[in-house]
Amino acid sequence: MDFRSVLDLLEKGMKYPLPGKKAQLSMSPNPVDSRRFDSKLPDNHRKGSVLILLYPNDDKAFFPLIKRPVYKGVHSGQIAFPGGKMEEDDEDEIETALREAWEEVNIKPEQVKLIGRMSDLFIPTSNFLVSPVLGYSEVLPDFVPEEKEVARIIQTAVSTLYEPSFRKQKVLEFSDSFRLDTPYFEVDQEMVWGATAMILSEFLQILENGKN
């Protein structure tokens, strides 16, 4: 999809109420973890932010995803947006997203033009309330992965998300015999599922709303 066309659709789509839960659920693993949408979050929950950054690549709209390294944690090896935990010195969720994206993949904060914030999403397994921040850069960033936090950077065309052949479903089996029927996007031979896929689902609905 053309970079300028995507920005125009997002600008129009963000004028509508955010799609939120309804859009997120369309890419949620089943059974749905009801804790994601509880009106009252755990008192000890933590806050974090991610950056969805649109940028031009041969005039087409792209955004970066990252693959986390393998480590002893619930998100080991998973695909995510650049982002992370809010620090005490961060003014707000936007500053967190910009700082983390700079630290993880070398997106310079001054290059980012903000579009707005999407719907927050709670991740029960890590006890994080994640705030997705939407922005764009007029130029292709000079991506550099922070080796301890990023195994690889995946430059992803927005058009990929519209390809039916890249929307798939599989059953994930965990060590305690728990199973999840999981919708996902296949991007560069990687499985994009869970919170990242749910955020992308809302992103796509915002684009659709911009066509009205």
N, C-alpha and C. Protein backbone atom coordinates (compact mmCIF):
# COMPACT_ATOMS: atom_id res chain seq x y z
N MET A 1 0.84 -1.20 0.00
CA MET A 1 0.00 0.00 0.00
C MET A 1 0.88 1.25 0.00
N ASP A 2 0.45 2.25 -0.74
CA ASP A 2 1.19 3.49 -0.85
C ASP A 2 1.31 4.19 0.50
N PHE A 3 2.50 4.68 0.81
CA PHE A 3 2.78 5.30 2.10
C PHE A 3 1.83 6.46 2.39
N ARG A 4 1.68 7.37 1.44
CA ARG A 4 0.83 8.54 1.66
C ARG A 4 -0.63 8.15 1.82
N SER A 5 -1.06 7.15 1.09
CA SER A 5 -2.45 6.69 1.20
C SER A 5 -2.72 6.11 2.58
N VAL A 6 -1.76 5.35 3.11
CA VAL A 6 -1.92 4.77 4.44
C VAL A 6 -1.99 5.87 5.49
N LEU A 7 -1.13 6.88 5.40
CA LEU A 7 -1.18 7.98 6.36
C LEU A 7 -2.51 8.71 6.30
N ASP A 8 -3.02 8.90 5.10
CA ASP A 8 -4.31 9.58 4.94
C ASP A 8 -5.44 8.77 5.57
N LEU A 9 -5.43 7.46 5.36
CA LEU A 9 -6.46 6.60 5.95
C LEU A 9 -6.37 6.60 7.48
N LEU A 10 -5.15 6.58 8.00
CA LEU A 10 -4.98 6.59 9.45
C LEU A 10 -5.46 7.90 10.06
N GLU A 11 -5.14 9.00 9.40
CA GLU A 11 -5.59 10.31 9.89
C GLU A 11 -7.11 10.37 9.96
N LYS A 12 -7.76 9.86 8.93
CA LYS A 12 -9.23 9.84 8.92
C LYS A 12 -9.77 8.83 9.93
N GLY A 13 -9.15 7.65 9.97
CA GLY A 13 -9.64 6.59 10.85
C GLY A 13 -9.52 6.93 12.31
N MET A 14 -8.50 7.70 12.68
CA MET A 14 -8.29 8.06 14.09
C MET A 14 -9.29 9.10 14.57
N LYS A 15 -10.08 9.65 13.67
CA LYS A 15 -11.12 10.61 14.08
C LYS A 15 -12.35 9.89 14.62
N TYR A 16 -12.45 8.60 14.35
CA TYR A 16 -13.55 7.79 14.86
C TYR A 16 -13.18 7.24 16.24
N PRO A 17 -14.18 6.78 17.01
CA PRO A 17 -13.84 6.09 18.27
C PRO A 17 -12.95 4.88 17.97
N LEU A 18 -11.99 4.62 18.83
CA LEU A 18 -11.09 3.49 18.61
C LEU A 18 -11.87 2.17 18.60
N PRO A 19 -11.53 1.25 17.70
CA PRO A 19 -12.24 -0.03 17.63
C PRO A 19 -12.10 -0.87 18.89
N GLY A 20 -10.93 -0.80 19.54
CA GLY A 20 -10.73 -1.44 20.84
C GLY A 20 -10.97 -2.94 20.86
N LYS A 21 -11.71 -3.36 21.88
CA LYS A 21 -11.87 -4.78 22.19
C LYS A 21 -12.41 -5.58 21.01
N LYS A 22 -13.39 -5.05 20.31
CA LYS A 22 -14.00 -5.80 19.21
C LYS A 22 -12.97 -6.17 18.16
N ALA A 23 -12.11 -5.23 17.79
CA ALA A 23 -11.08 -5.51 16.80
C ALA A 23 -9.99 -6.41 17.38
N GLN A 24 -9.63 -6.17 18.61
CA GLN A 24 -8.58 -6.98 19.25
C GLN A 24 -8.99 -8.46 19.32
N LEU A 25 -10.25 -8.70 19.63
CA LEU A 25 -10.72 -10.08 19.80
C LEU A 25 -10.63 -10.91 18.53
N SER A 26 -10.67 -10.26 17.38
CA SER A 26 -10.66 -11.03 16.13
C SER A 26 -9.33 -11.75 15.91
N MET A 27 -8.28 -11.33 16.61
CA MET A 27 -6.99 -12.02 16.52
C MET A 27 -6.54 -12.55 17.88
N SER A 28 -7.48 -12.73 18.78
CA SER A 28 -7.15 -13.23 20.11
C SER A 28 -7.12 -14.76 20.13
N PRO A 29 -6.15 -15.34 20.82
CA PRO A 29 -6.17 -16.80 21.01
C PRO A 29 -7.43 -17.21 21.78
N ASN A 30 -7.88 -18.43 21.52
CA ASN A 30 -9.05 -18.98 22.20
C ASN A 30 -8.68 -20.25 22.95
N PRO A 31 -9.18 -20.45 24.18
CA PRO A 31 -10.14 -19.57 24.86
C PRO A 31 -9.54 -18.22 25.24
N VAL A 32 -10.38 -17.19 25.18
CA VAL A 32 -9.94 -15.84 25.50
C VAL A 32 -9.66 -15.73 26.99
N ASP A 33 -8.53 -15.15 27.33
CA ASP A 33 -8.20 -14.88 28.73
C ASP A 33 -8.99 -13.65 29.17
N SER A 34 -10.02 -13.87 29.96
CA SER A 34 -10.93 -12.77 30.34
C SER A 34 -10.22 -11.67 31.11
N ARG A 35 -9.05 -11.98 31.69
CA ARG A 35 -8.32 -10.96 32.45
C ARG A 35 -7.86 -9.81 31.56
N ARG A 36 -7.75 -10.07 30.25
CA ARG A 36 -7.33 -9.01 29.33
C ARG A 36 -8.27 -7.81 29.38
N PHE A 37 -9.54 -8.09 29.62
CA PHE A 37 -10.55 -7.05 29.48
C PHE A 37 -11.27 -6.74 30.78
N ASP A 38 -10.72 -7.16 31.91
CA ASP A 38 -11.31 -6.81 33.20
C ASP A 38 -11.26 -5.30 33.39
N SER A 39 -12.34 -4.76 33.94
CA SER A 39 -12.38 -3.31 34.19
C SER A 39 -11.40 -2.92 35.28
N LYS A 40 -11.11 -3.85 36.21
CA LYS A 40 -10.15 -3.57 37.27
C LYS A 40 -8.91 -4.43 37.06
N LEU A 41 -7.79 -3.76 36.87
CA LEU A 41 -6.52 -4.47 36.68
C LEU A 41 -5.88 -4.79 38.02
N PRO A 42 -4.97 -5.77 38.05
CA PRO A 42 -4.27 -6.06 39.31
C PRO A 42 -3.56 -4.82 39.84
N ASP A 43 -3.57 -4.66 41.15
CA ASP A 43 -2.95 -3.48 41.75
C ASP A 43 -1.46 -3.38 41.42
N ASN A 44 -0.83 -4.53 41.20
CA ASN A 44 0.61 -4.53 40.95
C ASN A 44 0.97 -4.58 39.47
N HIS A 45 0.01 -4.27 38.58
CA HIS A 45 0.32 -4.33 37.16
C HIS A 45 1.33 -3.25 36.78
N ARG A 46 2.08 -3.53 35.72
CA ARG A 46 3.09 -2.60 35.24
C ARG A 46 2.64 -1.98 33.92
N LYS A 47 3.22 -0.83 33.60
CA LYS A 47 2.86 -0.13 32.37
C LYS A 47 4.01 -0.20 31.37
N GLY A 48 3.63 -0.31 30.11
CA GLY A 48 4.61 -0.31 29.04
C GLY A 48 4.01 0.28 27.78
N SER A 49 4.85 0.54 26.81
CA SER A 49 4.39 1.10 25.54
C SER A 49 5.14 0.44 24.38
N VAL A 50 4.49 0.43 23.23
CA VAL A 50 5.13 -0.02 22.00
C VAL A 50 4.91 1.05 20.93
N LEU A 51 5.79 1.06 19.94
CA LEU A 51 5.69 2.03 18.85
C LEU A 51 5.37 1.31 17.54
N ILE A 52 4.27 1.72 16.91
CA ILE A 52 3.96 1.28 15.56
C ILE A 52 4.37 2.42 14.64
N LEU A 53 5.49 2.27 13.98
CA LEU A 53 6.06 3.36 13.17
C LEU A 53 5.92 3.05 11.68
N LEU A 54 5.15 3.87 10.98
CA LEU A 54 5.04 3.76 9.54
C LEU A 54 6.18 4.54 8.89
N TYR A 55 6.72 4.00 7.82
CA TYR A 55 7.78 4.70 7.09
C TYR A 55 7.74 4.25 5.62
N PRO A 56 8.29 5.07 4.71
CA PRO A 56 8.26 4.70 3.29
C PRO A 56 9.45 3.82 2.91
N ASN A 57 9.17 2.84 2.09
CA ASN A 57 10.21 2.00 1.50
C ASN A 57 9.79 1.77 0.06
N ASP A 58 10.49 2.42 -0.88
CA ASP A 58 10.07 2.43 -2.29
C ASP A 58 8.63 2.91 -2.41
N ASP A 59 8.30 3.95 -1.64
CA ASP A 59 6.98 4.60 -1.64
C ASP A 59 5.87 3.73 -1.06
N LYS A 60 6.21 2.55 -0.58
CA LYS A 60 5.22 1.69 0.06
C LYS A 60 5.30 1.86 1.58
N ALA A 61 4.19 1.60 2.26
CA ALA A 61 4.13 1.76 3.71
C ALA A 61 4.64 0.51 4.40
N PHE A 62 5.62 0.70 5.27
CA PHE A 62 6.21 -0.38 6.07
C PHE A 62 6.18 0.00 7.54
N PHE A 63 6.37 -1.01 8.39
CA PHE A 63 6.57 -0.78 9.82
C PHE A 63 7.50 -1.88 10.33
N PRO A 64 8.25 -1.61 11.41
CA PRO A 64 9.17 -2.62 11.92
C PRO A 64 8.55 -3.50 13.01
N LEU A 65 8.83 -4.78 12.91
CA LEU A 65 8.60 -5.71 14.01
C LEU A 65 9.96 -6.22 14.46
N ILE A 66 10.03 -6.71 15.67
CA ILE A 66 11.29 -7.27 16.17
C ILE A 66 11.04 -8.68 16.69
N LYS A 67 12.09 -9.48 16.63
CA LYS A 67 12.05 -10.80 17.26
C LYS A 67 12.87 -10.75 18.53
N ARG A 68 12.24 -11.13 19.63
CA ARG A 68 12.95 -11.15 20.90
C ARG A 68 13.94 -12.32 20.95
N PRO A 69 15.06 -12.15 21.62
CA PRO A 69 15.99 -13.27 21.78
C PRO A 69 15.36 -14.38 22.63
N VAL A 70 15.96 -15.54 22.58
CA VAL A 70 15.53 -16.64 23.43
C VAL A 70 16.07 -16.41 24.84
N TYR A 71 15.17 -16.42 25.81
CA TYR A 71 15.57 -16.20 27.20
C TYR A 71 14.55 -16.89 28.10
N LYS A 72 14.81 -16.90 29.39
CA LYS A 72 13.87 -17.52 30.32
C LYS A 72 12.78 -16.52 30.68
N GLY A 73 11.74 -16.49 29.87
CA GLY A 73 10.65 -15.56 30.09
C GLY A 73 9.48 -15.89 29.19
N VAL A 74 8.32 -15.29 29.48
CA VAL A 74 7.09 -15.66 28.77
C VAL A 74 7.08 -15.19 27.32
N HIS A 75 7.89 -14.21 26.97
CA HIS A 75 7.89 -13.69 25.60
C HIS A 75 9.15 -14.08 24.83
N SER A 76 9.84 -15.11 25.29
CA SER A 76 11.07 -15.56 24.65
C SER A 76 10.85 -15.90 23.18
N GLY A 77 11.66 -15.31 22.30
CA GLY A 77 11.62 -15.64 20.89
C GLY A 77 10.41 -15.14 20.14
N GLN A 78 9.56 -14.36 20.77
CA GLN A 78 8.33 -13.93 20.12
C GLN A 78 8.55 -12.67 19.28
N ILE A 79 7.58 -12.42 18.40
CA ILE A 79 7.59 -11.24 17.55
C ILE A 79 6.80 -10.13 18.23
N ALA A 80 7.35 -8.92 18.20
CA ALA A 80 6.73 -7.81 18.92
C ALA A 80 7.01 -6.51 18.17
N PHE A 81 6.41 -5.44 18.67
CA PHE A 81 6.79 -4.10 18.24
C PHE A 81 7.95 -3.62 19.11
N PRO A 82 8.75 -2.69 18.63
CA PRO A 82 9.72 -2.06 19.53
C PRO A 82 8.98 -1.43 20.71
N GLY A 83 9.49 -1.64 21.90
CA GLY A 83 8.82 -1.08 23.08
C GLY A 83 9.26 -1.77 24.34
N GLY A 84 8.70 -1.32 25.46
CA GLY A 84 9.08 -1.91 26.73
C GLY A 84 8.47 -1.19 27.91
N LYS A 85 9.09 -1.39 29.04
CA LYS A 85 8.54 -0.93 30.33
C LYS A 85 8.69 0.57 30.51
N MET A 86 7.65 1.18 31.09
CA MET A 86 7.72 2.60 31.45
C MET A 86 8.67 2.78 32.63
N GLU A 87 9.57 3.74 32.49
CA GLU A 87 10.51 4.08 33.56
C GLU A 87 9.99 5.28 34.35
N GLU A 88 10.48 5.42 35.58
CA GLU A 88 10.01 6.51 36.44
C GLU A 88 10.24 7.88 35.82
N ASP A 89 11.30 8.02 35.04
CA ASP A 89 11.63 9.31 34.45
C ASP A 89 10.80 9.62 33.20
N ASP A 90 10.07 8.64 32.67
CA ASP A 90 9.26 8.88 31.47
C ASP A 90 8.07 9.77 31.81
N GLU A 91 7.86 10.77 31.00
CA GLU A 91 6.76 11.70 31.23
C GLU A 91 5.41 11.04 31.03
N ASP A 92 5.31 10.19 29.99
CA ASP A 92 4.05 9.52 29.68
C ASP A 92 4.34 8.31 28.79
N GLU A 93 3.25 7.66 28.34
CA GLU A 93 3.40 6.45 27.54
C GLU A 93 4.07 6.72 26.20
N ILE A 94 3.85 7.91 25.66
CA ILE A 94 4.47 8.26 24.38
C ILE A 94 5.99 8.34 24.53
N GLU A 95 6.44 8.97 25.60
CA GLU A 95 7.88 9.06 25.83
C GLU A 95 8.49 7.67 26.01
N THR A 96 7.76 6.79 26.68
CA THR A 96 8.25 5.42 26.85
C THR A 96 8.44 4.73 25.50
N ALA A 97 7.44 4.84 24.63
CA ALA A 97 7.51 4.20 23.31
C ALA A 97 8.68 4.75 22.50
N LEU A 98 8.86 6.06 22.52
CA LEU A 98 9.94 6.68 21.74
C LEU A 98 11.32 6.28 22.30
N ARG A 99 11.44 6.29 23.61
CA ARG A 99 12.72 5.93 24.23
C ARG A 99 13.09 4.48 23.94
N GLU A 100 12.12 3.59 24.12
CA GLU A 100 12.39 2.17 23.90
C GLU A 100 12.73 1.87 22.44
N ALA A 101 12.01 2.52 21.51
CA ALA A 101 12.29 2.29 20.09
C ALA A 101 13.69 2.79 19.72
N TRP A 102 14.11 3.87 20.34
CA TRP A 102 15.46 4.38 20.11
C TRP A 102 16.49 3.40 20.66
N GLU A 103 16.26 2.92 21.88
CA GLU A 103 17.22 2.01 22.51
C GLU A 103 17.29 0.67 21.79
N GLU A 104 16.15 0.17 21.33
CA GLU A 104 16.10 -1.19 20.78
C GLU A 104 16.50 -1.27 19.32
N VAL A 105 16.06 -0.30 18.50
CA VAL A 105 16.29 -0.42 17.05
C VAL A 105 16.81 0.87 16.41
N ASN A 106 17.19 1.86 17.24
CA ASN A 106 17.82 3.09 16.74
C ASN A 106 16.87 3.99 15.95
N ILE A 107 15.57 3.97 16.28
CA ILE A 107 14.64 4.95 15.72
C ILE A 107 14.81 6.24 16.53
N LYS A 108 15.30 7.28 15.88
CA LYS A 108 15.56 8.54 16.59
C LYS A 108 14.24 9.25 16.90
N PRO A 109 14.02 9.64 18.15
CA PRO A 109 12.74 10.27 18.53
C PRO A 109 12.39 11.48 17.68
N GLU A 110 13.38 12.26 17.27
CA GLU A 110 13.09 13.46 16.48
C GLU A 110 12.60 13.14 15.07
N GLN A 111 12.78 11.91 14.63
CA GLN A 111 12.29 11.49 13.31
C GLN A 111 10.81 11.11 13.34
N VAL A 112 10.27 10.90 14.53
CA VAL A 112 8.92 10.36 14.66
C VAL A 112 7.89 11.48 14.76
N LYS A 113 6.91 11.43 13.87
CA LYS A 113 5.76 12.33 13.94
C LYS A 113 4.58 11.53 14.47
N LEU A 114 3.99 12.03 15.52
CA LEU A 114 2.93 11.27 16.19
C LEU A 114 1.60 11.37 15.46
N ILE A 115 0.91 10.24 15.40
CA ILE A 115 -0.46 10.19 14.88
C ILE A 115 -1.45 10.10 16.03
N GLY A 116 -1.13 9.29 17.03
CA GLY A 116 -2.01 9.16 18.19
C GLY A 116 -1.78 7.85 18.91
N ARG A 117 -2.60 7.61 19.91
CA ARG A 117 -2.52 6.37 20.69
C ARG A 117 -3.69 5.47 20.35
N MET A 118 -3.41 4.18 20.26
CA MET A 118 -4.44 3.19 20.06
C MET A 118 -4.91 2.67 21.42
N SER A 119 -5.77 1.67 21.42
CA SER A 119 -6.35 1.17 22.67
C SER A 119 -5.32 0.39 23.48
N ASP A 120 -5.30 0.64 24.78
CA ASP A 120 -4.44 -0.13 25.67
C ASP A 120 -4.86 -1.61 25.65
N LEU A 121 -3.90 -2.48 25.93
CA LEU A 121 -4.18 -3.92 25.99
C LEU A 121 -3.41 -4.52 27.15
N PHE A 122 -4.12 -5.23 28.02
CA PHE A 122 -3.48 -5.87 29.16
C PHE A 122 -2.99 -7.26 28.77
N ILE A 123 -1.76 -7.58 29.18
CA ILE A 123 -1.16 -8.89 28.91
C ILE A 123 -1.03 -9.63 30.23
N PRO A 124 -1.95 -10.54 30.53
CA PRO A 124 -1.97 -11.20 31.85
C PRO A 124 -0.69 -11.98 32.16
N THR A 125 -0.10 -12.63 31.15
CA THR A 125 1.06 -13.49 31.43
C THR A 125 2.27 -12.72 31.95
N SER A 126 2.39 -11.45 31.56
CA SER A 126 3.51 -10.63 32.04
C SER A 126 3.05 -9.50 32.94
N ASN A 127 1.73 -9.37 33.13
CA ASN A 127 1.16 -8.36 34.03
C ASN A 127 1.44 -6.94 33.56
N PHE A 128 1.47 -6.75 32.23
CA PHE A 128 1.73 -5.43 31.65
C PHE A 128 0.48 -4.87 30.99
N LEU A 129 0.23 -3.59 31.22
CA LEU A 129 -0.75 -2.84 30.44
C LEU A 129 0.03 -2.11 29.35
N VAL A 130 -0.20 -2.51 28.11
CA VAL A 130 0.58 -1.99 26.99
C VAL A 130 -0.20 -0.90 26.26
N SER A 131 0.47 0.22 26.02
CA SER A 131 -0.12 1.34 25.29
C SER A 131 0.54 1.43 23.91
N PRO A 132 -0.19 1.12 22.83
CA PRO A 132 0.38 1.24 21.49
C PRO A 132 0.35 2.70 21.02
N VAL A 133 1.50 3.19 20.59
CA VAL A 133 1.64 4.55 20.09
C VAL A 133 1.86 4.49 18.58
N LEU A 134 1.09 5.27 17.85
CA LEU A 134 1.12 5.24 16.39
C LEU A 134 1.82 6.49 15.87
N GLY A 135 2.80 6.30 14.98
CA GLY A 135 3.53 7.43 14.43
C GLY A 135 4.09 7.09 13.06
N TYR A 136 4.77 8.08 12.46
CA TYR A 136 5.38 7.82 11.16
C TYR A 136 6.68 8.61 11.02
N SER A 137 7.50 8.15 10.11
CA SER A 137 8.74 8.83 9.75
C SER A 137 8.70 9.10 8.25
N GLU A 138 9.20 10.26 7.85
CA GLU A 138 9.22 10.60 6.43
C GLU A 138 10.32 9.85 5.68
N VAL A 139 11.25 9.27 6.43
CA VAL A 139 12.37 8.57 5.80
C VAL A 139 12.52 7.19 6.41
N LEU A 140 13.18 6.32 5.69
CA LEU A 140 13.49 4.98 6.19
C LEU A 140 14.50 5.10 7.32
N PRO A 141 14.15 4.66 8.53
CA PRO A 141 15.10 4.76 9.65
C PRO A 141 16.36 3.92 9.42
N ASP A 142 17.43 4.33 10.05
CA ASP A 142 18.68 3.57 10.01
C ASP A 142 18.64 2.56 11.15
N PHE A 143 17.98 1.43 10.90
CA PHE A 143 17.75 0.45 11.96
C PHE A 143 19.06 -0.20 12.42
N VAL A 144 19.23 -0.26 13.73
CA VAL A 144 20.34 -0.98 14.34
C VAL A 144 19.79 -1.75 15.54
N PRO A 145 19.81 -3.07 15.54
CA PRO A 145 19.26 -3.84 16.66
C PRO A 145 20.15 -3.79 17.89
N GLU A 146 19.55 -3.64 19.05
CA GLU A 146 20.27 -3.76 20.31
C GLU A 146 20.38 -5.25 20.61
N GLU A 147 21.58 -5.79 20.56
CA GLU A 147 21.76 -7.24 20.50
C GLU A 147 21.16 -7.98 21.69
N LYS A 148 21.16 -7.39 22.86
CA LYS A 148 20.64 -8.08 24.04
C LYS A 148 19.12 -8.17 24.04
N GLU A 149 18.46 -7.28 23.31
CA GLU A 149 17.00 -7.22 23.33
C GLU A 149 16.34 -7.59 22.01
N VAL A 150 17.11 -7.58 20.93
CA VAL A 150 16.53 -7.78 19.60
C VAL A 150 17.36 -8.80 18.83
N ALA A 151 16.74 -9.92 18.48
CA ALA A 151 17.44 -10.94 17.68
C ALA A 151 17.46 -10.56 16.21
N ARG A 152 16.37 -9.95 15.73
CA ARG A 152 16.31 -9.49 14.34
C ARG A 152 15.20 -8.46 14.19
N ILE A 153 15.34 -7.63 13.17
CA ILE A 153 14.33 -6.63 12.81
C ILE A 153 13.65 -7.10 11.54
N ILE A 154 12.33 -7.07 11.54
CA ILE A 154 11.55 -7.52 10.38
C ILE A 154 10.82 -6.31 9.80
N GLN A 155 11.30 -5.84 8.64
CA GLN A 155 10.63 -4.72 7.97
C GLN A 155 9.39 -5.28 7.26
N THR A 156 8.24 -4.80 7.67
CA THR A 156 6.97 -5.43 7.28
C THR A 156 6.11 -4.47 6.46
N ALA A 157 5.71 -4.90 5.28
CA ALA A 157 4.83 -4.10 4.45
C ALA A 157 3.40 -4.17 4.99
N VAL A 158 2.74 -3.02 5.07
CA VAL A 158 1.35 -3.00 5.53
C VAL A 158 0.49 -3.91 4.65
N SER A 159 0.79 -3.95 3.35
CA SER A 159 0.00 -4.77 2.43
C SER A 159 0.03 -6.25 2.79
N THR A 160 1.10 -6.69 3.46
CA THR A 160 1.19 -8.10 3.87
C THR A 160 0.02 -8.50 4.76
N LEU A 161 -0.43 -7.59 5.60
CA LEU A 161 -1.50 -7.90 6.55
C LEU A 161 -2.83 -8.14 5.86
N TYR A 162 -2.95 -7.71 4.62
CA TYR A 162 -4.20 -7.89 3.87
C TYR A 162 -4.21 -9.17 3.04
N GLU A 163 -3.07 -9.84 2.96
CA GLU A 163 -3.00 -11.05 2.15
C GLU A 163 -3.62 -12.23 2.90
N PRO A 164 -4.70 -12.81 2.36
CA PRO A 164 -5.34 -13.95 3.05
C PRO A 164 -4.38 -15.10 3.33
N SER A 165 -3.40 -15.30 2.45
CA SER A 165 -2.48 -16.42 2.64
C SER A 165 -1.55 -16.23 3.83
N PHE A 166 -1.46 -15.00 4.34
CA PHE A 166 -0.60 -14.73 5.49
C PHE A 166 -1.38 -14.68 6.81
N ARG A 167 -2.68 -14.92 6.75
CA ARG A 167 -3.50 -15.04 7.96
C ARG A 167 -3.76 -16.52 8.19
N LYS A 168 -3.29 -17.01 9.31
CA LYS A 168 -3.37 -18.45 9.54
C LYS A 168 -3.87 -18.75 10.95
N GLN A 169 -4.01 -20.03 11.22
CA GLN A 169 -4.52 -20.49 12.52
C GLN A 169 -3.82 -21.78 12.88
N LYS A 170 -3.45 -21.91 14.15
CA LYS A 170 -2.88 -23.18 14.61
C LYS A 170 -3.16 -23.34 16.10
N VAL A 171 -3.05 -24.57 16.55
CA VAL A 171 -3.23 -24.86 17.98
C VAL A 171 -1.85 -24.90 18.62
N LEU A 172 -1.67 -24.07 19.64
CA LEU A 172 -0.43 -24.06 20.41
C LEU A 172 -0.60 -24.91 21.65
N GLU A 173 0.32 -25.82 21.89
CA GLU A 173 0.27 -26.68 23.06
C GLU A 173 1.38 -26.30 24.03
N PHE A 174 1.00 -26.15 25.29
CA PHE A 174 1.95 -25.75 26.32
C PHE A 174 2.23 -26.92 27.25
N SER A 175 3.27 -26.78 28.06
CA SER A 175 3.77 -27.91 28.86
C SER A 175 2.74 -28.45 29.85
N ASP A 176 1.79 -27.61 30.26
CA ASP A 176 0.80 -28.07 31.23
C ASP A 176 -0.45 -28.62 30.56
N SER A 177 -0.31 -29.03 29.29
CA SER A 177 -1.41 -29.60 28.49
C SER A 177 -2.48 -28.57 28.15
N PHE A 178 -2.18 -27.31 28.37
CA PHE A 178 -3.10 -26.23 28.01
C PHE A 178 -2.94 -25.93 26.52
N ARG A 179 -4.07 -25.75 25.83
CA ARG A 179 -4.04 -25.50 24.40
C ARG A 179 -4.70 -24.17 24.06
N LEU A 180 -4.15 -23.50 23.06
CA LEU A 180 -4.74 -22.26 22.57
C LEU A 180 -4.95 -22.38 21.06
N ASP A 181 -6.18 -22.14 20.63
CA ASP A 181 -6.49 -22.06 19.21
C ASP A 181 -6.12 -20.63 18.78
N THR A 182 -5.07 -20.50 18.00
CA THR A 182 -4.40 -19.21 17.86
C THR A 182 -4.41 -18.69 16.42
N PRO A 183 -5.12 -17.58 16.16
CA PRO A 183 -4.97 -16.91 14.87
C PRO A 183 -3.66 -16.14 14.85
N TYR A 184 -3.05 -16.04 13.68
CA TYR A 184 -1.78 -15.31 13.61
C TYR A 184 -1.52 -14.81 12.20
N PHE A 185 -0.64 -13.83 12.11
CA PHE A 185 -0.11 -13.38 10.82
C PHE A 185 1.24 -14.06 10.61
N GLU A 186 1.46 -14.57 9.41
CA GLU A 186 2.78 -15.10 9.09
C GLU A 186 3.55 -14.02 8.34
N VAL A 187 4.60 -13.52 8.96
CA VAL A 187 5.39 -12.43 8.40
C VAL A 187 6.85 -12.87 8.31
N ASP A 188 7.37 -12.92 7.11
CA ASP A 188 8.76 -13.32 6.90
C ASP A 188 9.07 -14.64 7.62
N GLN A 189 8.14 -15.59 7.48
CA GLN A 189 8.25 -16.93 8.05
C GLN A 189 8.24 -16.93 9.58
N GLU A 190 7.75 -15.86 10.17
CA GLU A 190 7.61 -15.78 11.62
C GLU A 190 6.13 -15.73 11.99
N MET A 191 5.82 -16.24 13.17
CA MET A 191 4.44 -16.28 13.67
C MET A 191 4.18 -15.06 14.55
N VAL A 192 3.30 -14.19 14.08
CA VAL A 192 2.95 -12.98 14.83
C VAL A 192 1.59 -13.22 15.48
N TRP A 193 1.59 -13.43 16.79
CA TRP A 193 0.35 -13.82 17.47
C TRP A 193 0.24 -13.09 18.80
N GLY A 194 -0.84 -13.40 19.53
CA GLY A 194 -1.01 -12.82 20.86
C GLY A 194 -1.25 -11.32 20.80
N ALA A 195 -0.68 -10.60 21.75
CA ALA A 195 -0.94 -9.16 21.87
C ALA A 195 -0.53 -8.40 20.61
N THR A 196 0.58 -8.79 19.99
CA THR A 196 1.03 -8.09 18.79
C THR A 196 0.01 -8.23 17.67
N ALA A 197 -0.51 -9.43 17.46
CA ALA A 197 -1.53 -9.64 16.43
C ALA A 197 -2.82 -8.89 16.78
N MET A 198 -3.16 -8.83 18.05
CA MET A 198 -4.38 -8.13 18.47
C MET A 198 -4.25 -6.63 18.23
N ILE A 199 -3.07 -6.08 18.48
CA ILE A 199 -2.83 -4.66 18.20
C ILE A 199 -2.88 -4.40 16.69
N LEU A 200 -2.29 -5.30 15.90
CA LEU A 200 -2.35 -5.16 14.45
C LEU A 200 -3.78 -5.23 13.94
N SER A 201 -4.60 -6.03 14.57
CA SER A 201 -6.00 -6.14 14.17
C SER A 201 -6.72 -4.80 14.36
N GLU A 202 -6.45 -4.13 15.47
CA GLU A 202 -7.06 -2.81 15.66
C GLU A 202 -6.50 -1.81 14.65
N PHE A 203 -5.21 -1.88 14.38
CA PHE A 203 -4.58 -1.02 13.38
C PHE A 203 -5.29 -1.16 12.03
N LEU A 204 -5.55 -2.39 11.61
CA LEU A 204 -6.23 -2.63 10.34
C LEU A 204 -7.65 -2.08 10.35
N GLN A 205 -8.33 -2.19 11.49
CA GLN A 205 -9.70 -1.66 11.56
C GLN A 205 -9.70 -0.14 11.50
N ILE A 206 -8.69 0.50 12.08
CA ILE A 206 -8.58 1.96 11.97
C ILE A 206 -8.40 2.36 10.50
N LEU A 207 -7.57 1.60 9.77
CA LEU A 207 -7.42 1.85 8.34
C LEU A 207 -8.75 1.70 7.61
N GLU A 208 -9.50 0.66 7.95
CA GLU A 208 -10.80 0.44 7.31
C GLU A 208 -11.76 1.59 7.62
N ASN A 209 -11.75 2.05 8.87
CA ASN A 209 -12.62 3.17 9.24
C ASN A 209 -12.27 4.42 8.45
N GLY A 210 -11.00 4.57 8.10
CA GLY A 210 -10.58 5.73 7.32
C GLY A 210 -11.11 5.74 5.90
N LYS A 211 -11.62 4.61 5.44
CA LYS A 211 -12.19 4.54 4.09
C LYS A 211 -13.62 5.04 4.04
N ASN A 212 -14.24 5.23 5.22
CA ASN A 212 -15.65 5.67 5.26
C ASN A 212 -15.77 7.16 4.98
